[in-house]
PDB file of N, CA and C in Angstrom:
ATOM      1  N   MET A   1     -77.120 101.316 -57.326  1.00  0.00           N
ATOM      2  CA  MET A   1     -77.266 101.877 -58.656  1.00  0.00           C
ATOM      3  C   MET A   1     -77.995 100.874 -59.548  1.00  0.00           C
ATOM      4  N   GLN A   2     -79.005 101.344 -60.253  1.00  0.00           N
ATOM      5  CA  GLN A   2     -79.761 100.462 -61.131  1.00  0.00           C
ATOM      6  C   GLN A   2     -79.030 100.294 -62.452  1.00  0.00           C
ATOM      7  N   GLN A   3     -79.151  99.102 -62.991  1.00  0.00           N
ATOM      8  CA  GLN A   3     -78.530  98.809 -64.267  1.00  0.00           C
ATOM      9  C   GLN A   3     -79.548  99.052 -65.376  1.00  0.00           C
ATOM     10  N   MET A   4     -79.176  99.846 -66.364  1.00  0.00           N
ATOM     11  CA  MET A   4     -80.087 100.163 -67.459  1.00  0.00           C
ATOM     12  C   MET A   4     -79.805  99.264 -68.654  1.00  0.00           C
ATOM     13  N   ASP A   5     -80.873  98.934 -69.356  1.00  0.00           N
ATOM     14  CA  ASP A   5     -80.723  98.198 -70.604  1.00  0.00           C
ATOM     15  C   ASP A   5     -80.119  99.143 -71.637  1.00  0.00           C
ATOM     16  N   TYR A   6     -79.065  98.714 -72.309  1.00  0.00           N
ATOM     17  CA  TYR A   6     -78.367  99.551 -73.278  1.00  0.00           C
ATOM     18  C   TYR A   6     -79.312 100.024 -74.378  1.00  0.00           C
ATOM     19  N   ARG A   7     -80.178  99.137 -74.848  1.00  0.00           N
ATOM     20  CA  ARG A   7     -81.098  99.510 -75.926  1.00  0.00           C
ATOM     21  C   ARG A   7     -82.067 100.584 -75.474  1.00  0.00           C
ATOM     22  N   ALA A   8     -82.569 100.478 -74.234  1.00  0.00           N
ATOM     23  CA  ALA A   8     -83.485 101.484 -73.717  1.00  0.00           C
ATOM     24  C   ALA A   8     -82.752 102.810 -73.520  1.00  0.00           C
ATOM     25  N   HIS A   9     -81.511 102.737 -73.107  1.00  0.00           N
ATOM     26  CA  HIS A   9     -80.719 103.946 -72.877  1.00  0.00           C
ATOM     27  C   HIS A   9     -80.448 104.689 -74.182  1.00  0.00           C
ATOM     28  N   CYS A  10     -80.281 103.971 -75.270  1.00  0.00           N
ATOM     29  CA  CYS A  10     -79.973 104.589 -76.561  1.00  0.00           C
ATOM     30  C   CYS A  10     -81.224 105.022 -77.315  1.00  0.00           C
ATOM     31  N   GLY A  11     -82.390 104.838 -76.737  1.00  0.00           N
ATOM     32  CA  GLY A  11     -83.621 105.276 -77.371  1.00  0.00           C
ATOM     33  C   GLY A  11     -84.296 104.240 -78.241  1.00  0.00           C
ATOM     34  N   TYR A  12     -83.808 103.004 -78.238  1.00  0.00           N
ATOM     35  CA  TYR A  12     -84.455 101.953 -79.017  1.00  0.00           C
ATOM     36  C   TYR A  12     -85.737 101.531 -78.320  1.00  0.00           C
ATOM     37  N   MET A  13     -86.752 101.279 -79.111  1.00  0.00           N
ATOM     38  CA  MET A  13     -88.018 100.808 -78.566  1.00  0.00           C
ATOM     39  C   MET A  13     -87.994  99.289 -78.591  1.00  0.00           C
ATOM     40  N   THR A  14     -88.143  98.670 -77.451  1.00  0.00           N
ATOM     41  CA  THR A  14     -88.149  97.212 -77.406  1.00  0.00           C
ATOM     42  C   THR A  14     -89.546  96.746 -77.015  1.00  0.00           C
ATOM     43  N   THR A  15     -90.161  95.999 -77.897  1.00  0.00           N
ATOM     44  CA  THR A  15     -91.466  95.417 -77.611  1.00  0.00           C
ATOM     45  C   THR A  15     -91.382  93.927 -77.872  1.00  0.00           C
ATOM     46  N   THR A  16     -92.134  93.181 -77.113  1.00  0.00           N
ATOM     47  CA  THR A  16     -92.145  91.736 -77.263  1.00  0.00           C
ATOM     48  C   THR A  16     -93.532  91.305 -77.718  1.00  0.00           C
ATOM     49  N   VAL A  17     -93.579  90.568 -78.800  1.00  0.00           N
ATOM     50  CA  VAL A  17     -94.831  90.029 -79.317  1.00  0.00           C
ATOM     51  C   VAL A  17     -94.912  88.576 -78.867  1.00  0.00           C
ATOM     52  N   ALA A  18     -96.062  88.208 -78.332  1.00  0.00           N
ATOM     53  CA  ALA A  18     -96.238  86.836 -77.875  1.00  0.00           C
ATOM     54  C   ALA A  18     -96.174  85.885 -79.072  1.00  0.00           C
ATOM     55  N   LEU A  19     -95.623  84.722 -78.846  1.00  0.00           N
ATOM     56  CA  LEU A  19     -95.519  83.720 -79.902  1.00  0.00           C
ATOM     57  C   LEU A  19     -96.881  83.072 -80.091  1.00  0.00           C
ATOM     58  N   SER A  20     -97.538  83.422 -81.197  1.00  0.00           N
ATOM     59  CA  SER A  20     -98.856  82.868 -81.502  1.00  0.00           C
ATOM     60  C   SER A  20     -99.061  82.903 -83.010  1.00  0.00           C
ATOM     61  N   ARG A  21    -100.068  82.170 -83.458  1.00  0.00           N
ATOM     62  CA  ARG A  21    -100.366  82.089 -84.889  1.00  0.00           C
ATOM     63  C   ARG A  21    -101.478  83.084 -85.224  1.00  0.00           C
ATOM     64  N   PRO A  22    -101.191  84.092 -86.060  1.00  0.00           N
ATOM     65  CA  PRO A  22    -102.234  85.068 -86.407  1.00  0.00           C
ATOM     66  C   PRO A  22    -103.258  84.483 -87.367  1.00  0.00           C
ATOM     67  N   ARG A  23    -104.444  85.051 -87.360  1.00  0.00           N
ATOM     68  CA  ARG A  23    -105.488  84.608 -88.284  1.00  0.00           C
ATOM     69  C   ARG A  23    -105.288  85.189 -89.679  1.00  0.00           C
ATOM     70  N   THR A  24    -104.583  86.308 -89.770  1.00  0.00           N
ATOM     71  CA  THR A  24    -104.317  86.925 -91.064  1.00  0.00           C
ATOM     72  C   THR A  24    -102.902  86.580 -91.505  1.00  0.00           C
ATOM     73  N   ASN A  25    -102.644  86.710 -92.789  1.00  0.00           N
ATOM     74  CA  ASN A  25    -101.313  86.481 -93.360  1.00  0.00           C
ATOM     75  C   ASN A  25    -100.858  85.022 -93.230  1.00  0.00           C
ATOM     76  N   ARG A  26    -101.802  84.106 -93.258  1.00  0.00           N
ATOM     77  CA  ARG A  26    -101.482  82.677 -93.185  1.00  0.00           C
ATOM     78  C   ARG A  26    -101.329  82.090 -94.572  1.00  0.00           C
ATOM     79  N   MET A  27    -100.469  81.084 -94.669  1.00  0.00           N
ATOM     80  CA  MET A  27    -100.398  80.291 -95.892  1.00  0.00           C
ATOM     81  C   MET A  27    -100.958  78.899 -95.600  1.00  0.00           C
ATOM     82  N   ILE A  28    -100.452  78.258 -94.566  1.00  0.00           N
ATOM     83  CA  ILE A  28    -100.950  76.933 -94.175  1.00  0.00           C
ATOM     84  C   ILE A  28    -101.550  77.020 -92.778  1.00  0.00           C
ATOM     85  N   ALA A  29    -100.691  77.175 -91.766  1.00  0.00           N
ATOM     86  CA  ALA A  29    -101.180  77.200 -90.398  1.00  0.00           C
ATOM     87  C   ALA A  29    -100.842  78.502 -89.675  1.00  0.00           C
ATOM     88  N   GLY A  30    -100.056  79.364 -90.280  1.00  0.00           N
ATOM     89  CA  GLY A  30     -99.690  80.619 -89.640  1.00  0.00           C
ATOM     90  C   GLY A  30     -98.437  80.540 -88.787  1.00  0.00           C
ATOM     91  N   VAL A  31     -97.727  79.417 -88.842  1.00  0.00           N
ATOM     92  CA  VAL A  31     -96.527  79.254 -88.020  1.00  0.00           C
ATOM     93  C   VAL A  31     -95.440  80.231 -88.461  1.00  0.00           C
ATOM     94  N   CYS A  32     -95.157  80.299 -89.736  1.00  0.00           N
ATOM     95  CA  CYS A  32     -94.109  81.203 -90.228  1.00  0.00           C
ATOM     96  C   CYS A  32     -94.499  82.660 -89.997  1.00  0.00           C
ATOM     97  N   ALA A  33     -95.771  82.995 -90.169  1.00  0.00           N
ATOM     98  CA  ALA A  33     -96.229  84.368 -89.923  1.00  0.00           C
ATOM     99  C   ALA A  33     -96.076  84.731 -88.448  1.00  0.00           C
ATOM    100  N   GLY A  34     -96.394  83.798 -87.555  1.00  0.00           N
ATOM    101  CA  GLY A  34     -96.232  84.048 -86.127  1.00  0.00           C
ATOM    102  C   GLY A  34     -94.776  84.203 -85.731  1.00  0.00           C
ATOM    103  N   LEU A  35     -93.911  83.358 -86.284  1.00  0.00           N
ATOM    104  CA  LEU A  35     -92.482  83.481 -86.002  1.00  0.00           C
ATOM    105  C   LEU A  35     -91.938  84.798 -86.550  1.00  0.00           C
ATOM    106  N   ALA A  36     -92.405  85.202 -87.726  1.00  0.00           N
ATOM    107  CA  ALA A  36     -91.942  86.458 -88.320  1.00  0.00           C
ATOM    108  C   ALA A  36     -92.337  87.648 -87.454  1.00  0.00           C
ATOM    109  N   GLN A  37     -93.560  87.656 -86.964  1.00  0.00           N
ATOM    110  CA  GLN A  37     -93.988  88.749 -86.090  1.00  0.00           C
ATOM    111  C   GLN A  37     -93.200  88.753 -84.792  1.00  0.00           C
ATOM    112  N   ARG A  38     -92.919  87.593 -84.251  1.00  0.00           N
ATOM    113  CA  ARG A  38     -92.174  87.498 -82.997  1.00  0.00           C
ATOM    114  C   ARG A  38     -90.749  88.012 -83.152  1.00  0.00           C
ATOM    115  N   TRP A  39     -90.119  87.716 -84.299  1.00  0.00           N
ATOM    116  CA  TRP A  39     -88.731  88.108 -84.539  1.00  0.00           C
ATOM    117  C   TRP A  39     -88.606  89.449 -85.246  1.00  0.00           C
ATOM    118  N   GLY A  40     -89.740  90.078 -85.611  1.00  0.00           N
ATOM    119  CA  GLY A  40     -89.696  91.367 -86.287  1.00  0.00           C
ATOM    120  C   GLY A  40     -89.233  91.277 -87.726  1.00  0.00           C
ATOM    121  N   MET A  41     -89.596  90.198 -88.395  1.00  0.00           N
ATOM    122  CA  MET A  41     -89.206  89.990 -89.789  1.00  0.00           C
ATOM    123  C   MET A  41     -90.455  89.957 -90.656  1.00  0.00           C
ATOM    124  N   LYS A  42     -90.255  89.924 -91.967  1.00  0.00           N
ATOM    125  CA  LYS A  42     -91.375  89.756 -92.892  1.00  0.00           C
ATOM    126  C   LYS A  42     -91.714  88.274 -92.978  1.00  0.00           C
ATOM    127  N   ALA A  43     -93.007  87.984 -93.115  1.00  0.00           N
ATOM    128  CA  ALA A  43     -93.452  86.593 -93.175  1.00  0.00           C
ATOM    129  C   ALA A  43     -92.871  85.879 -94.393  1.00  0.00           C
ATOM    130  N   GLY A  44     -92.761  86.574 -95.511  1.00  0.00           N
ATOM    131  CA  GLY A  44     -92.203  85.962 -96.717  1.00  0.00           C
ATOM    132  C   GLY A  44     -90.752  85.536 -96.538  1.00  0.00           C
ATOM    133  N   THR A  45     -90.002  86.307 -95.764  1.00  0.00           N
ATOM    134  CA  THR A  45     -88.608  85.968 -95.495  1.00  0.00           C
ATOM    135  C   THR A  45     -88.509  84.691 -94.673  1.00  0.00           C
ATOM    136  N   VAL A  46     -89.357  84.576 -93.659  1.00  0.00           N
ATOM    137  CA  VAL A  46     -89.338  83.370 -92.814  1.00  0.00           C
ATOM    138  C   VAL A  46     -89.791  82.157 -93.628  1.00  0.00           C
ATOM    139  N   ARG A  47     -90.780  82.335 -94.482  1.00  0.00           N
ATOM    140  CA  ARG A  47     -91.230  81.222 -95.331  1.00  0.00           C
ATOM    141  C   ARG A  47     -90.121  80.770 -96.275  1.00  0.00           C
ATOM    142  N   LEU A  48     -89.422  81.734 -96.865  1.00  0.00           N
ATOM    143  CA  LEU A  48     -88.321  81.397 -97.765  1.00  0.00           C
ATOM    144  C   LEU A  48     -87.204  80.675 -97.021  1.00  0.00           C
ATOM    145  N   LEU A  49     -86.876  81.144 -95.826  1.00  0.00           N
ATOM    146  CA  LEU A  49     -85.843  80.478 -95.025  1.00  0.00           C
ATOM    147  C   LEU A  49     -86.263  79.057 -94.668  1.00  0.00           C
ATOM    148  N   PHE A  50     -87.546  78.875 -94.361  1.00  0.00           N
ATOM    149  CA  PHE A  50     -88.028  77.525 -94.059  1.00  0.00           C
ATOM    150  C   PHE A  50     -87.905  76.617 -95.281  1.00  0.00           C
ATOM    151  N   LEU A  51     -88.320  77.126 -96.438  1.00  0.00           N
ATOM    152  CA  LEU A  51     -88.234  76.308 -97.652  1.00  0.00           C
ATOM    153  C   LEU A  51     -86.783  75.975 -97.999  1.00  0.00           C
ATOM    154  N   LEU A  52     -85.884  76.931 -97.850  1.00  0.00           N
ATOM    155  CA  LEU A  52     -84.470  76.656 -98.106  1.00  0.00           C
ATOM    156  C   LEU A  52     -83.908  75.664 -97.095  1.00  0.00           C
ATOM    157  N   SER A  53     -84.384  75.728 -95.855  1.00  0.00           N
ATOM    158  CA  SER A  53     -83.889  74.778 -94.848  1.00  0.00           C
ATOM    159  C   SER A  53     -84.346  73.353 -95.162  1.00  0.00           C
ATOM    160  N   CYS A  54     -85.422  73.221 -95.921  1.00  0.00           N
ATOM    161  CA  CYS A  54     -85.901  71.881 -96.288  1.00  0.00           C
ATOM    162  C   CYS A  54     -84.947  71.175 -97.249  1.00  0.00           C
ATOM    163  N   LEU A  55     -84.049  71.923 -97.860  1.00  0.00           N
ATOM    164  CA  LEU A  55     -83.045  71.305 -98.717  1.00  0.00           C
ATOM    165  C   LEU A  55     -81.968  70.596 -97.901  1.00  0.00           C
ATOM    166  N   LEU A  56     -81.852  70.963 -96.646  1.00  0.00           N
ATOM    167  CA  LEU A  56     -80.885  70.344 -95.742  1.00  0.00           C
ATOM    168  C   LEU A  56     -81.527  69.169 -95.016  1.00  0.00           C
ATOM    169  N   PRO A  57     -80.742  68.189 -94.638  1.00  0.00           N
ATOM    170  CA  PRO A  57     -81.328  67.081 -93.866  1.00  0.00           C
ATOM    171  C   PRO A  57     -81.700  67.552 -92.465  1.00  0.00           C
ATOM    172  N   GLY A  58     -82.803  67.047 -91.982  1.00  0.00           N
ATOM    173  CA  GLY A  58     -83.229  67.405 -90.640  1.00  0.00           C
ATOM    174  C   GLY A  58     -84.739  67.293 -90.494  1.00  0.00           C
ATOM    175  N   PRO A  59     -85.221  67.528 -89.298  1.00  0.00           N
ATOM    176  CA  PRO A  59     -86.646  67.339 -88.996  1.00  0.00           C
ATOM    177  C   PRO A  59     -87.469  68.619 -89.163  1.00  0.00           C
ATOM    178  N   GLN A  60     -87.288  69.358 -90.257  1.00  0.00           N
ATOM    179  CA  GLN A  60     -87.981  70.625 -90.423  1.00  0.00           C
ATOM    180  C   GLN A  60     -89.501  70.478 -90.409  1.00  0.00           C
ATOM    181  N   PHE A  61     -90.015  69.486 -91.109  1.00  0.00           N
ATOM    182  CA  PHE A  61     -91.469  69.311 -91.154  1.00  0.00           C
ATOM    183  C   PHE A  61     -92.023  68.893 -89.802  1.00  0.00           C
ATOM    184  N   VAL A  62     -91.276  68.107 -89.074  1.00  0.00           N
ATOM    185  CA  VAL A  62     -91.712  67.702 -87.735  1.00  0.00           C
ATOM    186  C   VAL A  62     -91.746  68.916 -86.814  1.00  0.00           C
ATOM    187  N   VAL A  63     -90.728  69.771 -86.895  1.00  0.00           N
ATOM    188  CA  VAL A  63     -90.690  70.993 -86.081  1.00  0.00           C
ATOM    189  C   VAL A  63     -91.864  71.895 -86.434  1.00  0.00           C
ATOM    190  N   TYR A  64     -92.173  72.019 -87.727  1.00  0.00           N
ATOM    191  CA  TYR A  64     -93.316  72.824 -88.157  1.00  0.00           C
ATOM    192  C   TYR A  64     -94.615  72.272 -87.560  1.00  0.00           C
ATOM    193  N   LEU A  65     -94.784  70.956 -87.635  1.00  0.00           N
ATOM    194  CA  LEU A  65     -96.004  70.347 -87.085  1.00  0.00           C
ATOM    195  C   LEU A  65     -96.100  70.534 -85.573  1.00  0.00           C
ATOM    196  N   VAL A  66     -94.971  70.401 -84.885  1.00  0.00           N
ATOM    197  CA  VAL A  66     -94.966  70.599 -83.428  1.00  0.00           C
ATOM    198  C   VAL A  66     -95.318  72.053 -83.097  1.00  0.00           C
ATOM    199  N   LEU A  67     -94.737  72.995 -83.828  1.00  0.00           N
ATOM    200  CA  LEU A  67     -95.067  74.402 -83.591  1.00  0.00           C
ATOM    201  C   LEU A  67     -96.531  74.682 -83.891  1.00  0.00           C
ATOM    202  N   TRP A  68     -97.080  74.035 -84.914  1.00  0.00           N
ATOM    203  CA  TRP A  68     -98.493  74.186 -85.249  1.00  0.00           C
ATOM    204  C   TRP A  68     -99.361  73.766 -84.059  1.00  0.00           C
ATOM    205  N   VAL A  69     -98.960  72.708 -83.393  1.00  0.00           N
ATOM    206  CA  VAL A  69     -99.744  72.199 -82.269  1.00  0.00           C
ATOM    207  C   VAL A  69     -99.556  73.053 -81.014  1.00  0.00           C
ATOM    208  N   ILE A  70     -98.319  73.478 -80.727  1.00  0.00           N
ATOM    209  CA  ILE A  70     -98.081  74.148 -79.436  1.00  0.00           C
ATOM    210  C   ILE A  70     -98.272  75.669 -79.487  1.00  0.00           C
ATOM    211  N   MET A  71     -98.186  76.288 -80.683  1.00  0.00           N
ATOM    212  CA  MET A  71     -98.400  77.735 -80.755  1.00  0.00           C
ATOM    213  C   MET A  71     -99.907  78.026 -80.686  1.00  0.00           C
ATOM    214  N   PRO A  72    -100.318  78.889 -79.745  1.00  0.00           N
ATOM    215  CA  PRO A  72    -101.753  79.177 -79.650  1.00  0.00           C
ATOM    216  C   PRO A  72    -102.222  80.009 -80.828  1.00  0.00           C
ATOM    217  N   ASP A  73    -103.469  79.814 -81.178  1.00  0.00           N
ATOM    218  CA  ASP A  73    -104.091  80.573 -82.260  1.00  0.00           C
ATOM    219  C   ASP A  73    -104.522  81.918 -81.716  1.00  0.00           C
ATOM    220  N   ARG A  74    -104.063  82.981 -82.349  1.00  0.00           N
ATOM    221  CA  ARG A  74    -104.439  84.325 -81.914  1.00  0.00           C
ATOM    222  C   ARG A  74    -105.886  84.557 -82.313  1.00  0.00           C
ATOM    223  N   GLY A  75    -106.669  85.090 -81.445  1.00  0.00           N
ATOM    224  CA  GLY A  75    -108.096  85.259 -81.698  1.00  0.00           C
ATOM    225  C   GLY A  75    -108.470  86.399 -82.619  1.00  0.00           C
ATOM    226  N   TYR A  76    -107.486  87.101 -83.157  1.00  0.00           N
ATOM    227  CA  TYR A  76    -107.794  88.223 -84.049  1.00  0.00           C
ATOM    228  C   TYR A  76    -106.929  88.205 -85.264  1.00  0.00           C
TER     229      TYR A  76
END
């Protein structure tokens, strides 16, 4: 017996967007816009969450720079 994904069984559409930086909707490097598209969120929400996380101690800017380097640039 095959095991079905619960989401597919209930009629939910599941699509996966590759993690990449889009050329449109960028503010600096497109990292937040790419993460927002990957997670199905609005880019402004991800940007706001990033800015709020900067109030906490941690390597947020380093993570942003690393993602800028390792996330491929989408050609469109």
